[in-house]
Amino acid sequence: QVQLVQSGGGLVQAGGSLRLSCAGSGRMSSIDAMGWYRQSPGKERELIAAISNRGNTYYEESVKGRFTISRDNANTLYLQMTNLKPIGTAMYYCAAYFSGITSPDFWGQGTQVTVSS
């Protein structure tokens, strides 16, 4: 089993920055990739960034150039978000995958990010 515990998030003004963290524990050696999702009210959860064990990254088009995903040697995943926009108000979830980035195997508990205009 893998446990993911998120921290960070909160309220920020448009144009501001936030960093989300996701601490992984348990059988992290079995994890091939990790990612960040967001879910706005009334919308489906969508993948916005992912990183593989080999360091390959994926970004959804709307966050390219503003968000940076990274992972440290202690199995903590980060999402540095800059130039935040009100449309970015959502619940953010980290995820871990045994293989690929199509279907997460484990989820963090989620954290709210609210961007005020």
PDB file of N, CA and C in Angstrom:
ATOM      1  N   GLN A   1       0.830  -1.195   0.000  1.00  0.00           N
ATOM      2  CA  GLN A   1       0.000   0.000   0.000  1.00  0.00           C
ATOM      3  C   GLN A   1       0.869   1.251   0.000  1.00  0.00           C
ATOM      4  N   VAL A   2       0.287   2.314  -0.513  1.00  0.00           N
ATOM      5  CA  VAL A   2       0.949   3.616  -0.571  1.00  0.00           C
ATOM      6  C   VAL A   2       0.027   4.647   0.062  1.00  0.00           C
ATOM      7  N   GLN A   3       0.605   5.504   0.874  1.00  0.00           N
ATOM      8  CA  GLN A   3      -0.166   6.587   1.472  1.00  0.00           C
ATOM      9  C   GLN A   3       0.381   7.925   0.956  1.00  0.00           C
ATOM     10  N   LEU A   4      -0.534   8.809   0.610  1.00  0.00           N
ATOM     11  CA  LEU A   4      -0.167  10.133   0.102  1.00  0.00           C
ATOM     12  C   LEU A   4      -0.832  11.183   0.981  1.00  0.00           C
ATOM     13  N   VAL A   5      -0.024  12.060   1.562  1.00  0.00           N
ATOM     14  CA  VAL A   5      -0.549  13.095   2.447  1.00  0.00           C
ATOM     15  C   VAL A   5      -0.175  14.460   1.881  1.00  0.00           C
ATOM     16  N   GLN A   6      -1.174  15.228   1.581  1.00  0.00           N
ATOM     17  CA  GLN A   6      -0.966  16.533   0.951  1.00  0.00           C
ATOM     18  C   GLN A   6      -0.891  17.659   1.973  1.00  0.00           C
ATOM     19  N   SER A   7      -0.184  18.715   1.583  1.00  0.00           N
ATOM     20  CA  SER A   7      -0.136  19.940   2.363  1.00  0.00           C
ATOM     21  C   SER A   7       0.015  21.107   1.394  1.00  0.00           C
ATOM     22  N   GLY A   8      -0.216  22.291   1.901  1.00  0.00           N
ATOM     23  CA  GLY A   8      -0.164  23.468   1.059  1.00  0.00           C
ATOM     24  C   GLY A   8      -1.564  23.860   0.619  1.00  0.00           C
ATOM     25  N   GLY A   9      -1.642  24.749  -0.320  1.00  0.00           N
ATOM     26  CA  GLY A   9      -2.929  25.247  -0.774  1.00  0.00           C
ATOM     27  C   GLY A   9      -3.367  26.450   0.041  1.00  0.00           C
ATOM     28  N   GLY A  10      -4.610  26.889  -0.201  1.00  0.00           N
ATOM     29  CA  GLY A  10      -5.138  28.034   0.516  1.00  0.00           C
ATOM     30  C   GLY A  10      -5.666  29.100  -0.427  1.00  0.00           C
ATOM     31  N   LEU A  11      -5.700  30.314   0.081  1.00  0.00           N
ATOM     32  CA  LEU A  11      -6.245  31.453  -0.667  1.00  0.00           C
ATOM     33  C   LEU A  11      -5.111  32.336  -1.164  1.00  0.00           C
ATOM     34  N   VAL A  12      -5.172  32.714  -2.428  1.00  0.00           N
ATOM     35  CA  VAL A  12      -4.146  33.563  -3.014  1.00  0.00           C
ATOM     36  C   VAL A  12      -4.809  34.503  -4.018  1.00  0.00           C
ATOM     37  N   GLN A  13      -4.216  35.664  -4.193  1.00  0.00           N
ATOM     38  CA  GLN A  13      -4.743  36.593  -5.187  1.00  0.00           C
ATOM     39  C   GLN A  13      -4.274  36.197  -6.578  1.00  0.00           C
ATOM     40  N   ALA A  14      -5.031  36.583  -7.574  1.00  0.00           N
ATOM     41  CA  ALA A  14      -4.648  36.329  -8.964  1.00  0.00           C
ATOM     42  C   ALA A  14      -3.253  36.895  -9.214  1.00  0.00           C
ATOM     43  N   GLY A  15      -2.442  36.099  -9.903  1.00  0.00           N
ATOM     44  CA  GLY A  15      -1.069  36.491 -10.160  1.00  0.00           C
ATOM     45  C   GLY A  15      -0.096  35.998  -9.111  1.00  0.00           C
ATOM     46  N   GLY A  16      -0.610  35.481  -8.016  1.00  0.00           N
ATOM     47  CA  GLY A  16       0.237  35.000  -6.933  1.00  0.00           C
ATOM     48  C   GLY A  16       0.731  33.586  -7.152  1.00  0.00           C
ATOM     49  N   SER A  17       1.444  33.075  -6.147  1.00  0.00           N
ATOM     50  CA  SER A  17       2.057  31.760  -6.238  1.00  0.00           C
ATOM     51  C   SER A  17       1.707  30.919  -5.018  1.00  0.00           C
ATOM     52  N   LEU A  18       1.699  29.611  -5.224  1.00  0.00           N
ATOM     53  CA  LEU A  18       1.509  28.652  -4.144  1.00  0.00           C
ATOM     54  C   LEU A  18       2.316  27.411  -4.468  1.00  0.00           C
ATOM     55  N   ARG A  19       2.704  26.679  -3.417  1.00  0.00           N
ATOM     56  CA  ARG A  19       3.335  25.387  -3.617  1.00  0.00           C
ATOM     57  C   ARG A  19       2.562  24.321  -2.862  1.00  0.00           C
ATOM     58  N   LEU A  20       2.233  23.261  -3.580  1.00  0.00           N
ATOM     59  CA  LEU A  20       1.582  22.096  -2.989  1.00  0.00           C
ATOM     60  C   LEU A  20       2.622  21.006  -2.775  1.00  0.00           C
ATOM     61  N   SER A  21       2.436  20.249  -1.695  1.00  0.00           N
ATOM     62  CA  SER A  21       3.318  19.118  -1.400  1.00  0.00           C
ATOM     63  C   SER A  21       2.486  17.863  -1.203  1.00  0.00           C
ATOM     64  N   CYS A  22       3.119  16.735  -1.472  1.00  0.00           N
ATOM     65  CA  CYS A  22       2.454  15.433  -1.334  1.00  0.00           C
ATOM     66  C   CYS A  22       3.502  14.439  -0.863  1.00  0.00           C
ATOM     67  N   ALA A  23       3.422  14.061   0.398  1.00  0.00           N
ATOM     68  CA  ALA A  23       4.410  13.145   0.975  1.00  0.00           C
ATOM     69  C   ALA A  23       3.947  11.709   0.809  1.00  0.00           C
ATOM     70  N   GLY A  24       4.765  10.925   0.144  1.00  0.00           N
ATOM     71  CA  GLY A  24       4.426   9.532  -0.081  1.00  0.00           C
ATOM     72  C   GLY A  24       5.120   8.624   0.922  1.00  0.00           C
ATOM     73  N   SER A  25       4.435   7.571   1.333  1.00  0.00           N
ATOM     74  CA  SER A  25       5.014   6.581   2.233  1.00  0.00           C
ATOM     75  C   SER A  25       4.459   5.204   1.885  1.00  0.00           C
ATOM     76  N   GLY A  26       5.076   4.190   2.467  1.00  0.00           N
ATOM     77  CA  GLY A  26       4.679   2.823   2.150  1.00  0.00           C
ATOM     78  C   GLY A  26       5.515   2.295   0.996  1.00  0.00           C
ATOM     79  N   ARG A  27       4.897   1.550   0.110  1.00  0.00           N
ATOM     80  CA  ARG A  27       5.619   0.886  -0.981  1.00  0.00           C
ATOM     81  C   ARG A  27       5.881   1.821  -2.160  1.00  0.00           C
ATOM     82  N   MET A  28       6.559   2.920  -1.868  1.00  0.00           N
ATOM     83  CA  MET A  28       6.841   3.898  -2.914  1.00  0.00           C
ATOM     84  C   MET A  28       7.807   3.350  -3.961  1.00  0.00           C
ATOM     85  N   SER A  29       8.582   2.323  -3.619  1.00  0.00           N
ATOM     86  CA  SER A  29       9.499   1.731  -4.598  1.00  0.00           C
ATOM     87  C   SER A  29       8.736   1.092  -5.754  1.00  0.00           C
ATOM     88  N   SER A  30       7.445   0.813  -5.557  1.00  0.00           N
ATOM     89  CA  SER A  30       6.622   0.221  -6.613  1.00  0.00           C
ATOM     90  C   SER A  30       5.990   1.260  -7.533  1.00  0.00           C
ATOM     91  N   ILE A  31       6.151   2.521  -7.182  1.00  0.00           N
ATOM     92  CA  ILE A  31       5.505   3.594  -7.940  1.00  0.00           C
ATOM     93  C   ILE A  31       6.370   4.024  -9.111  1.00  0.00           C
ATOM     94  N   ASP A  32       5.743   4.097 -10.287  1.00  0.00           N
ATOM     95  CA  ASP A  32       6.457   4.472 -11.500  1.00  0.00           C
ATOM     96  C   ASP A  32       6.350   5.962 -11.798  1.00  0.00           C
ATOM     97  N   ALA A  33       5.268   6.582 -11.385  1.00  0.00           N
ATOM     98  CA  ALA A  33       5.047   7.999 -11.681  1.00  0.00           C
ATOM     99  C   ALA A  33       4.092   8.592 -10.649  1.00  0.00           C
ATOM    100  N   MET A  34       4.115   9.927 -10.562  1.00  0.00           N
ATOM    101  CA  MET A  34       3.192  10.654  -9.693  1.00  0.00           C
ATOM    102  C   MET A  34       2.650  11.849 -10.447  1.00  0.00           C
ATOM    103  N   GLY A  35       1.490  12.307 -10.021  1.00  0.00           N
ATOM    104  CA  GLY A  35       0.872  13.402 -10.746  1.00  0.00           C
ATOM    105  C   GLY A  35       0.001  14.280  -9.872  1.00  0.00           C
ATOM    106  N   TRP A  36      -0.428  15.379 -10.458  1.00  0.00           N
ATOM    107  CA  TRP A  36      -1.351  16.310  -9.818  1.00  0.00           C
ATOM    108  C   TRP A  36      -2.599  16.459 -10.690  1.00  0.00           C
ATOM    109  N   TYR A  37      -3.737  16.407 -10.027  1.00  0.00           N
ATOM    110  CA  TYR A  37      -5.024  16.610 -10.680  1.00  0.00           C
ATOM    111  C   TYR A  37      -5.712  17.810 -10.030  1.00  0.00           C
ATOM    112  N   ARG A  38      -6.642  18.386 -10.775  1.00  0.00           N
ATOM    113  CA  ARG A  38      -7.501  19.389 -10.153  1.00  0.00           C
ATOM    114  C   ARG A  38      -8.940  19.135 -10.570  1.00  0.00           C
ATOM    115  N   GLN A  39      -9.838  19.520  -9.671  1.00  0.00           N
ATOM    116  CA  GLN A  39     -11.263  19.344  -9.931  1.00  0.00           C
ATOM    117  C   GLN A  39     -11.994  20.611  -9.528  1.00  0.00           C
ATOM    118  N   SER A  40     -12.511  21.301 -10.538  1.00  0.00           N
ATOM    119  CA  SER A  40     -13.298  22.502 -10.299  1.00  0.00           C
ATOM    120  C   SER A  40     -14.738  22.100 -10.027  1.00  0.00           C
ATOM    121  N   PRO A  41     -15.506  22.955  -9.341  1.00  0.00           N
ATOM    122  CA  PRO A  41     -16.902  22.617  -9.045  1.00  0.00           C
ATOM    123  C   PRO A  41     -17.686  22.275 -10.307  1.00  0.00           C
ATOM    124  N   GLY A  42     -18.338  21.143 -10.284  1.00  0.00           N
ATOM    125  CA  GLY A  42     -19.167  20.729 -11.409  1.00  0.00           C
ATOM    126  C   GLY A  42     -18.416  20.134 -12.577  1.00  0.00           C
ATOM    127  N   LYS A  43     -17.098  19.980 -12.432  1.00  0.00           N
ATOM    128  CA  LYS A  43     -16.295  19.434 -13.531  1.00  0.00           C
ATOM    129  C   LYS A  43     -15.603  18.149 -13.106  1.00  0.00           C
ATOM    130  N   GLU A  44     -15.149  17.416 -14.099  1.00  0.00           N
ATOM    131  CA  GLU A  44     -14.427  16.188 -13.814  1.00  0.00           C
ATOM    132  C   GLU A  44     -12.997  16.497 -13.365  1.00  0.00           C
ATOM    133  N   ARG A  45     -12.438  15.560 -12.635  1.00  0.00           N
ATOM    134  CA  ARG A  45     -11.053  15.686 -12.213  1.00  0.00           C
ATOM    135  C   ARG A  45     -10.153  15.516 -13.437  1.00  0.00           C
ATOM    136  N   GLU A  46      -9.182  16.421 -13.593  1.00  0.00           N
ATOM    137  CA  GLU A  46      -8.306  16.375 -14.761  1.00  0.00           C
ATOM    138  C   GLU A  46      -6.844  16.378 -14.341  1.00  0.00           C
ATOM    139  N   LEU A  47      -6.051  15.655 -15.098  1.00  0.00           N
ATOM    140  CA  LEU A  47      -4.610  15.604 -14.864  1.00  0.00           C
ATOM    141  C   LEU A  47      -3.988  16.896 -15.381  1.00  0.00           C
ATOM    142  N   ILE A  48      -3.203  17.558 -14.542  1.00  0.00           N
ATOM    143  CA  ILE A  48      -2.555  18.797 -14.984  1.00  0.00           C
ATOM    144  C   ILE A  48      -1.037  18.676 -15.051  1.00  0.00           C
ATOM    145  N   ALA A  49      -0.457  17.749 -14.341  1.00  0.00           N
ATOM    146  CA  ALA A  49       0.989  17.574 -14.396  1.00  0.00           C
ATOM    147  C   ALA A  49       1.347  16.184 -13.874  1.00  0.00           C
ATOM    148  N   ALA A  50       2.413  15.624 -14.423  1.00  0.00           N
ATOM    149  CA  ALA A  50       2.875  14.310 -13.975  1.00  0.00           C
ATOM    150  C   ALA A  50       4.374  14.222 -14.169  1.00  0.00           C
ATOM    151  N   ILE A  51       4.998  13.349 -13.382  1.00  0.00           N
ATOM    152  CA  ILE A  51       6.432  13.140 -13.486  1.00  0.00           C
ATOM    153  C   ILE A  51       6.721  11.667 -13.267  1.00  0.00           C
ATOM    154  N   SER A  52       7.581  11.117 -14.120  1.00  0.00           N
ATOM    155  CA  SER A  52       7.938   9.707 -13.996  1.00  0.00           C
ATOM    156  C   SER A  52       9.201   9.562 -13.156  1.00  0.00           C
ATOM    157  N   ASN A  53       9.510   8.322 -12.799  1.00  0.00           N
ATOM    158  CA  ASN A  53      10.739   8.058 -12.051  1.00  0.00           C
ATOM    159  C   ASN A  53      11.978   8.437 -12.849  1.00  0.00           C
ATOM    160  N   ARG A  54      11.848   8.490 -14.166  1.00  0.00           N
ATOM    161  CA  ARG A  54      12.975   8.833 -15.020  1.00  0.00           C
ATOM    162  C   ARG A  54      13.083  10.339 -15.224  1.00  0.00           C
ATOM    163  N   GLY A  55      12.143  11.090 -14.621  1.00  0.00           N
ATOM    164  CA  GLY A  55      12.197  12.547 -14.713  1.00  0.00           C
ATOM    165  C   GLY A  55      11.419  13.130 -15.876  1.00  0.00           C
ATOM    166  N   ASN A  56      10.770  12.283 -16.649  1.00  0.00           N
ATOM    167  CA  ASN A  56       9.942  12.796 -17.745  1.00  0.00           C
ATOM    168  C   ASN A  56       8.709  13.481 -17.155  1.00  0.00           C
ATOM    169  N   THR A  57       8.345  14.608 -17.745  1.00  0.00           N
ATOM    170  CA  THR A  57       7.215  15.374 -17.221  1.00  0.00           C
ATOM    171  C   THR A  57       6.144  15.573 -18.287  1.00  0.00           C
ATOM    172  N   TYR A  58       4.939  15.781 -17.781  1.00  0.00           N
ATOM    173  CA  TYR A  58       3.787  16.103 -18.623  1.00  0.00           C
ATOM    174  C   TYR A  58       3.081  17.284 -17.973  1.00  0.00           C
ATOM    175  N   TYR A  59       2.647  18.236 -18.817  1.00  0.00           N
ATOM    176  CA  TYR A  59       1.842  19.368 -18.350  1.00  0.00           C
ATOM    177  C   TYR A  59       0.637  19.551 -19.260  1.00  0.00           C
ATOM    178  N   GLU A  60      -0.499  19.778 -18.656  1.00  0.00           N
ATOM    179  CA  GLU A  60      -1.684  20.153 -19.413  1.00  0.00           C
ATOM    180  C   GLU A  60      -1.445  21.533 -19.995  1.00  0.00           C
ATOM    181  N   GLU A  61      -1.986  21.776 -21.158  1.00  0.00           N
ATOM    182  CA  GLU A  61      -1.656  22.975 -21.911  1.00  0.00           C
ATOM    183  C   GLU A  61      -1.856  24.268 -21.123  1.00  0.00           C
ATOM    184  N   SER A  62      -2.921  24.341 -20.343  1.00  0.00           N
ATOM    185  CA  SER A  62      -3.246  25.602 -19.680  1.00  0.00           C
ATOM    186  C   SER A  62      -2.283  25.956 -18.541  1.00  0.00           C
ATOM    187  N   VAL A  63      -1.474  24.996 -18.090  1.00  0.00           N
ATOM    188  CA  VAL A  63      -0.560  25.291 -16.987  1.00  0.00           C
ATOM    189  C   VAL A  63       0.899  25.337 -17.433  1.00  0.00           C
ATOM    190  N   LYS A  64       1.158  25.014 -18.666  1.00  0.00           N
ATOM    191  CA  LYS A  64       2.530  25.047 -19.167  1.00  0.00           C
ATOM    192  C   LYS A  64       3.133  26.435 -18.984  1.00  0.00           C
ATOM    193  N   GLY A  65       4.362  26.463 -18.490  1.00  0.00           N
ATOM    194  CA  GLY A  65       5.051  27.726 -18.284  1.00  0.00           C
ATOM    195  C   GLY A  65       4.722  28.411 -16.975  1.00  0.00           C
ATOM    196  N   ARG A  66       3.685  27.930 -16.271  1.00  0.00           N
ATOM    197  CA  ARG A  66       3.293  28.530 -14.987  1.00  0.00           C
ATOM    198  C   ARG A  66       3.449  27.554 -13.821  1.00  0.00           C
ATOM    199  N   PHE A  67       3.247  26.292 -14.057  1.00  0.00           N
ATOM    200  CA  PHE A  67       3.337  25.270 -13.008  1.00  0.00           C
ATOM    201  C   PHE A  67       4.577  24.415 -13.245  1.00  0.00           C
ATOM    202  N   THR A  68       5.198  23.986 -12.143  1.00  0.00           N
ATOM    203  CA  THR A  68       6.349  23.094 -12.232  1.00  0.00           C
ATOM    204  C   THR A  68       6.161  21.936 -11.271  1.00  0.00           C
ATOM    205  N   ILE A  69       6.259  20.726 -11.801  1.00  0.00           N
ATOM    206  CA  ILE A  69       6.156  19.528 -10.965  1.00  0.00           C
ATOM    207  C   ILE A  69       7.557  19.016 -10.680  1.00  0.00           C
ATOM    208  N   SER A  70       7.769  18.554  -9.450  1.00  0.00           N
ATOM    209  CA  SER A  70       9.066  17.997  -9.086  1.00  0.00           C
ATOM    210  C   SER A  70       8.868  16.968  -7.987  1.00  0.00           C
ATOM    211  N   ARG A  71       9.915  16.197  -7.770  1.00  0.00           N
ATOM    212  CA  ARG A  71       9.858  15.134  -6.770  1.00  0.00           C
ATOM    213  C   ARG A  71      11.237  15.017  -6.150  1.00  0.00           C
ATOM    214  N   ASP A  72      11.308  14.906  -4.837  1.00  0.00           N
ATOM    215  CA  ASP A  72      12.617  14.803  -4.196  1.00  0.00           C
ATOM    216  C   ASP A  72      12.927  13.350  -3.852  1.00  0.00           C
ATOM    217  N   ASN A  73      14.107  13.137  -3.318  1.00  0.00           N
ATOM    218  CA  ASN A  73      14.549  11.772  -3.011  1.00  0.00           C
ATOM    219  C   ASN A  73      13.819  11.157  -1.826  1.00  0.00           C
ATOM    220  N   ALA A  74      13.065  11.998  -1.101  1.00  0.00           N
ATOM    221  CA  ALA A  74      12.327  11.501   0.059  1.00  0.00           C
ATOM    222  C   ALA A  74      10.885  11.168  -0.300  1.00  0.00           C
ATOM    223  N   ASN A  75      10.630  10.986  -1.587  1.00  0.00           N
ATOM    224  CA  ASN A  75       9.290  10.602  -2.062  1.00  0.00           C
ATOM    225  C   ASN A  75       8.229  11.664  -1.814  1.00  0.00           C
ATOM    226  N   THR A  76       8.642  12.911  -1.815  1.00  0.00           N
ATOM    227  CA  THR A  76       7.676  14.005  -1.727  1.00  0.00           C
ATOM    228  C   THR A  76       7.529  14.659  -3.094  1.00  0.00           C
ATOM    229  N   LEU A  77       6.305  14.819  -3.495  1.00  0.00           N
ATOM    230  CA  LEU A  77       5.957  15.430  -4.777  1.00  0.00           C
ATOM    231  C   LEU A  77       5.563  16.882  -4.531  1.00  0.00           C
ATOM    232  N   TYR A  78       5.968  17.752  -5.442  1.00  0.00           N
ATOM    233  CA  TYR A  78       5.651  19.172  -5.320  1.00  0.00           C
ATOM    234  C   TYR A  78       4.974  19.682  -6.593  1.00  0.00           C
ATOM    235  N   LEU A  79       4.195  20.724  -6.421  1.00  0.00           N
ATOM    236  CA  LEU A  79       3.657  21.461  -7.555  1.00  0.00           C
ATOM    237  C   LEU A  79       3.817  22.943  -7.235  1.00  0.00           C
ATOM    238  N   GLN A  80       4.751  23.578  -7.905  1.00  0.00           N
ATOM    239  CA  GLN A  80       4.944  25.008  -7.758  1.00  0.00           C
ATOM    240  C   GLN A  80       4.057  25.703  -8.770  1.00  0.00           C
ATOM    241  N   MET A  81       3.159  26.534  -8.279  1.00  0.00           N
ATOM    242  CA  MET A  81       2.196  27.202  -9.148  1.00  0.00           C
ATOM    243  C   MET A  81       2.459  28.708  -9.103  1.00  0.00           C
ATOM    244  N   THR A  82       2.661  29.304 -10.257  1.00  0.00           N
ATOM    245  CA  THR A  82       2.877  30.743 -10.345  1.00  0.00           C
ATOM    246  C   THR A  82       1.837  31.370 -11.267  1.00  0.00           C
ATOM    247  N   ASN A  83       1.717  32.691 -11.186  1.00  0.00           N
ATOM    248  CA  ASN A  83       0.765  33.426 -12.024  1.00  0.00           C
ATOM    249  C   ASN A  83      -0.611  32.745 -12.007  1.00  0.00           C
ATOM    250  N   LEU A  84      -1.094  32.479 -10.802  1.00  0.00           N
ATOM    251  CA  LEU A  84      -2.368  31.779 -10.667  1.00  0.00           C
ATOM    252  C   LEU A  84      -3.527  32.646 -11.151  1.00  0.00           C
ATOM    253  N   LYS A  85      -4.502  31.982 -11.723  1.00  0.00           N
ATOM    254  CA  LYS A  85      -5.682  32.650 -12.282  1.00  0.00           C
ATOM    255  C   LYS A  85      -6.934  32.199 -11.531  1.00  0.00           C
ATOM    256  N   PRO A  86      -7.978  33.017 -11.477  1.00  0.00           N
ATOM    257  CA  PRO A  86      -9.208  32.631 -10.781  1.00  0.00           C
ATOM    258  C   PRO A  86      -9.797  31.319 -11.293  1.00  0.00           C
ATOM    259  N   ILE A  87      -9.605  31.020 -12.583  1.00  0.00           N
ATOM    260  CA  ILE A  87     -10.113  29.767 -13.130  1.00  0.00           C
ATOM    261  C   ILE A  87      -9.407  28.558 -12.520  1.00  0.00           C
ATOM    262  N   GLY A  88      -8.275  28.808 -11.847  1.00  0.00           N
ATOM    263  CA  GLY A  88      -7.541  27.734 -11.193  1.00  0.00           C
ATOM    264  C   GLY A  88      -8.100  27.357  -9.835  1.00  0.00           C
ATOM    265  N   THR A  89      -9.163  28.030  -9.393  1.00  0.00           N
ATOM    266  CA  THR A  89      -9.814  27.674  -8.132  1.00  0.00           C
ATOM    267  C   THR A  89     -10.394  26.278  -8.241  1.00  0.00           C
ATOM    268  N   ALA A  90      -9.923  25.376  -7.357  1.00  0.00           N
ATOM    269  CA  ALA A  90     -10.321  23.978  -7.461  1.00  0.00           C
ATOM    270  C   ALA A  90      -9.751  23.201  -6.283  1.00  0.00           C
ATOM    271  N   MET A  91     -10.191  21.961  -6.187  1.00  0.00           N
ATOM    272  CA  MET A  91      -9.528  20.997  -5.302  1.00  0.00           C
ATOM    273  C   MET A  91      -8.385  20.372  -6.091  1.00  0.00           C
ATOM    274  N   TYR A  92      -7.241  20.270  -5.455  1.00  0.00           N
ATOM    275  CA  TYR A  92      -6.071  19.678  -6.091  1.00  0.00           C
ATOM    276  C   TYR A  92      -5.723  18.375  -5.384  1.00  0.00           C
ATOM    277  N   TYR A  93      -5.473  17.348  -6.187  1.00  0.00           N
ATOM    278  CA  TYR A  93      -5.181  16.020  -5.660  1.00  0.00           C
ATOM    279  C   TYR A  93      -3.863  15.507  -6.225  1.00  0.00           C
ATOM    280  N   CYS A  94      -3.053  14.905  -5.383  1.00  0.00           N
ATOM    281  CA  CYS A  94      -1.894  14.192  -5.913  1.00  0.00           C
ATOM    282  C   CYS A  94      -2.274  12.730  -6.112  1.00  0.00           C
ATOM    283  N   ALA A  95      -1.527  12.072  -6.980  1.00  0.00           N
ATOM    284  CA  ALA A  95      -1.810  10.682  -7.317  1.00  0.00           C
ATOM    285  C   ALA A  95      -0.511   9.941  -7.569  1.00  0.00           C
ATOM    286  N   ALA A  96      -0.564   8.642  -7.399  1.00  0.00           N
ATOM    287  CA  ALA A  96       0.589   7.780  -7.665  1.00  0.00           C
ATOM    288  C   ALA A  96       0.149   6.628  -8.547  1.00  0.00           C
ATOM    289  N   TYR A  97       1.046   6.219  -9.456  1.00  0.00           N
ATOM    290  CA  TYR A  97       0.732   5.198 -10.434  1.00  0.00           C
ATOM    291  C   TYR A  97       1.753   4.060 -10.351  1.00  0.00           C
ATOM    292  N   PHE A  98       1.262   2.830 -10.470  1.00  0.00           N
ATOM    293  CA  PHE A  98       2.180   1.708 -10.610  1.00  0.00           C
ATOM    294  C   PHE A  98       2.818   1.712 -11.992  1.00  0.00           C
ATOM    295  N   SER A  99       2.041   2.140 -12.998  1.00  0.00           N
ATOM    296  CA  SER A  99       2.548   2.135 -14.362  1.00  0.00           C
ATOM    297  C   SER A  99       1.776   3.140 -15.197  1.00  0.00           C
ATOM    298  N   GLY A 100       2.513   3.940 -15.981  1.00  0.00           N
ATOM    299  CA  GLY A 100       1.862   4.922 -16.827  1.00  0.00           C
ATOM    300  C   GLY A 100       1.174   6.007 -16.037  1.00  0.00           C
ATOM    301  N   ILE A 101       0.387   6.843 -16.714  1.00  0.00           N
ATOM    302  CA  ILE A 101      -0.334   7.922 -16.033  1.00  0.00           C
ATOM    303  C   ILE A 101      -1.796   7.951 -16.461  1.00  0.00           C
ATOM    304  N   THR A 102      -2.304   6.808 -16.860  1.00  0.00           N
ATOM    305  CA  THR A 102      -3.693   6.758 -17.322  1.00  0.00           C
ATOM    306  C   THR A 102      -4.677   6.635 -16.168  1.00  0.00           C
ATOM    307  N   SER A 103      -4.352   5.762 -15.227  1.00  0.00           N
ATOM    308  CA  SER A 103      -5.286   5.482 -14.149  1.00  0.00           C
ATOM    309  C   SER A 103      -4.538   5.440 -12.820  1.00  0.00           C
ATOM    310  N   PRO A 104      -4.750   6.425 -11.958  1.00  0.00           N
ATOM    311  CA  PRO A 104      -4.036   6.437 -10.674  1.00  0.00           C
ATOM    312  C   PRO A 104      -4.380   5.228  -9.812  1.00  0.00           C
ATOM    313  N   ASP A 105      -3.395   4.793  -9.068  1.00  0.00           N
ATOM    314  CA  ASP A 105      -3.613   3.682  -8.152  1.00  0.00           C
ATOM    315  C   ASP A 105      -3.848   4.159  -6.725  1.00  0.00           C
ATOM    316  N   PHE A 106      -3.347   5.350  -6.427  1.00  0.00           N
ATOM    317  CA  PHE A 106      -3.513   5.914  -5.099  1.00  0.00           C
ATOM    318  C   PHE A 106      -3.745   7.419  -5.210  1.00  0.00           C
ATOM    319  N   TRP A 107      -4.516   7.945  -4.243  1.00  0.00           N
ATOM    320  CA  TRP A 107      -4.853   9.371  -4.222  1.00  0.00           C
ATOM    321  C   TRP A 107      -4.480  10.001  -2.889  1.00  0.00           C
ATOM    322  N   GLY A 108      -4.095  11.284  -2.952  1.00  0.00           N
ATOM    323  CA  GLY A 108      -4.004  12.083  -1.750  1.00  0.00           C
ATOM    324  C   GLY A 108      -5.394  12.540  -1.340  1.00  0.00           C
ATOM    325  N   GLN A 109      -5.456  13.209  -0.190  1.00  0.00           N
ATOM    326  CA  GLN A 109      -6.765  13.576   0.361  1.00  0.00           C
ATOM    327  C   GLN A 109      -7.354  14.832  -0.279  1.00  0.00           C
ATOM    328  N   GLY A 110      -6.538  15.543  -1.053  1.00  0.00           N
ATOM    329  CA  GLY A 110      -7.019  16.757  -1.702  1.00  0.00           C
ATOM    330  C   GLY A 110      -6.769  17.993  -0.863  1.00  0.00           C
ATOM    331  N   THR A 111      -6.587  19.110  -1.548  1.00  0.00           N
ATOM    332  CA  THR A 111      -6.402  20.386  -0.864  1.00  0.00           C
ATOM    333  C   THR A 111      -7.036  21.475  -1.712  1.00  0.00           C
ATOM    334  N   GLN A 112      -7.676  22.426  -1.070  1.00  0.00           N
ATOM    335  CA  GLN A 112      -8.379  23.484  -1.782  1.00  0.00           C
ATOM    336  C   GLN A 112      -7.431  24.622  -2.120  1.00  0.00           C
ATOM    337  N   VAL A 113      -7.513  25.073  -3.363  1.00  0.00           N
ATOM    338  CA  VAL A 113      -6.810  26.276  -3.803  1.00  0.00           C
ATOM    339  C   VAL A 113      -7.868  27.255  -4.295  1.00  0.00           C
ATOM    340  N   THR A 114      -7.869  28.444  -3.737  1.00  0.00           N
ATOM    341  CA  THR A 114      -8.817  29.474  -4.137  1.00  0.00           C
ATOM    342  C   THR A 114      -8.047  30.697  -4.605  1.00  0.00           C
ATOM    343  N   VAL A 115      -8.319  31.101  -5.835  1.00  0.00           N
ATOM    344  CA  VAL A 115      -7.635  32.254  -6.423  1.00  0.00           C
ATOM    345  C   VAL A 115      -8.643  33.385  -6.559  1.00  0.00           C
ATOM    346  N   SER A 116      -8.405  34.449  -5.853  1.00  0.00           N
ATOM    347  CA  SER A 116      -9.323  35.582  -5.894  1.00  0.00           C
ATOM    348  C   SER A 116      -8.913  36.579  -6.961  1.00  0.00           C
ATOM    349  N   SER A 117      -9.897  37.231  -7.532  1.00  0.00           N
ATOM    350  CA  SER A 117      -9.608  38.188  -8.610  1.00  0.00           C
ATOM    351  C   SER A 117      -9.438  39.599  -8.053  1.00  0.00           C
TER     352      SER A 117
END
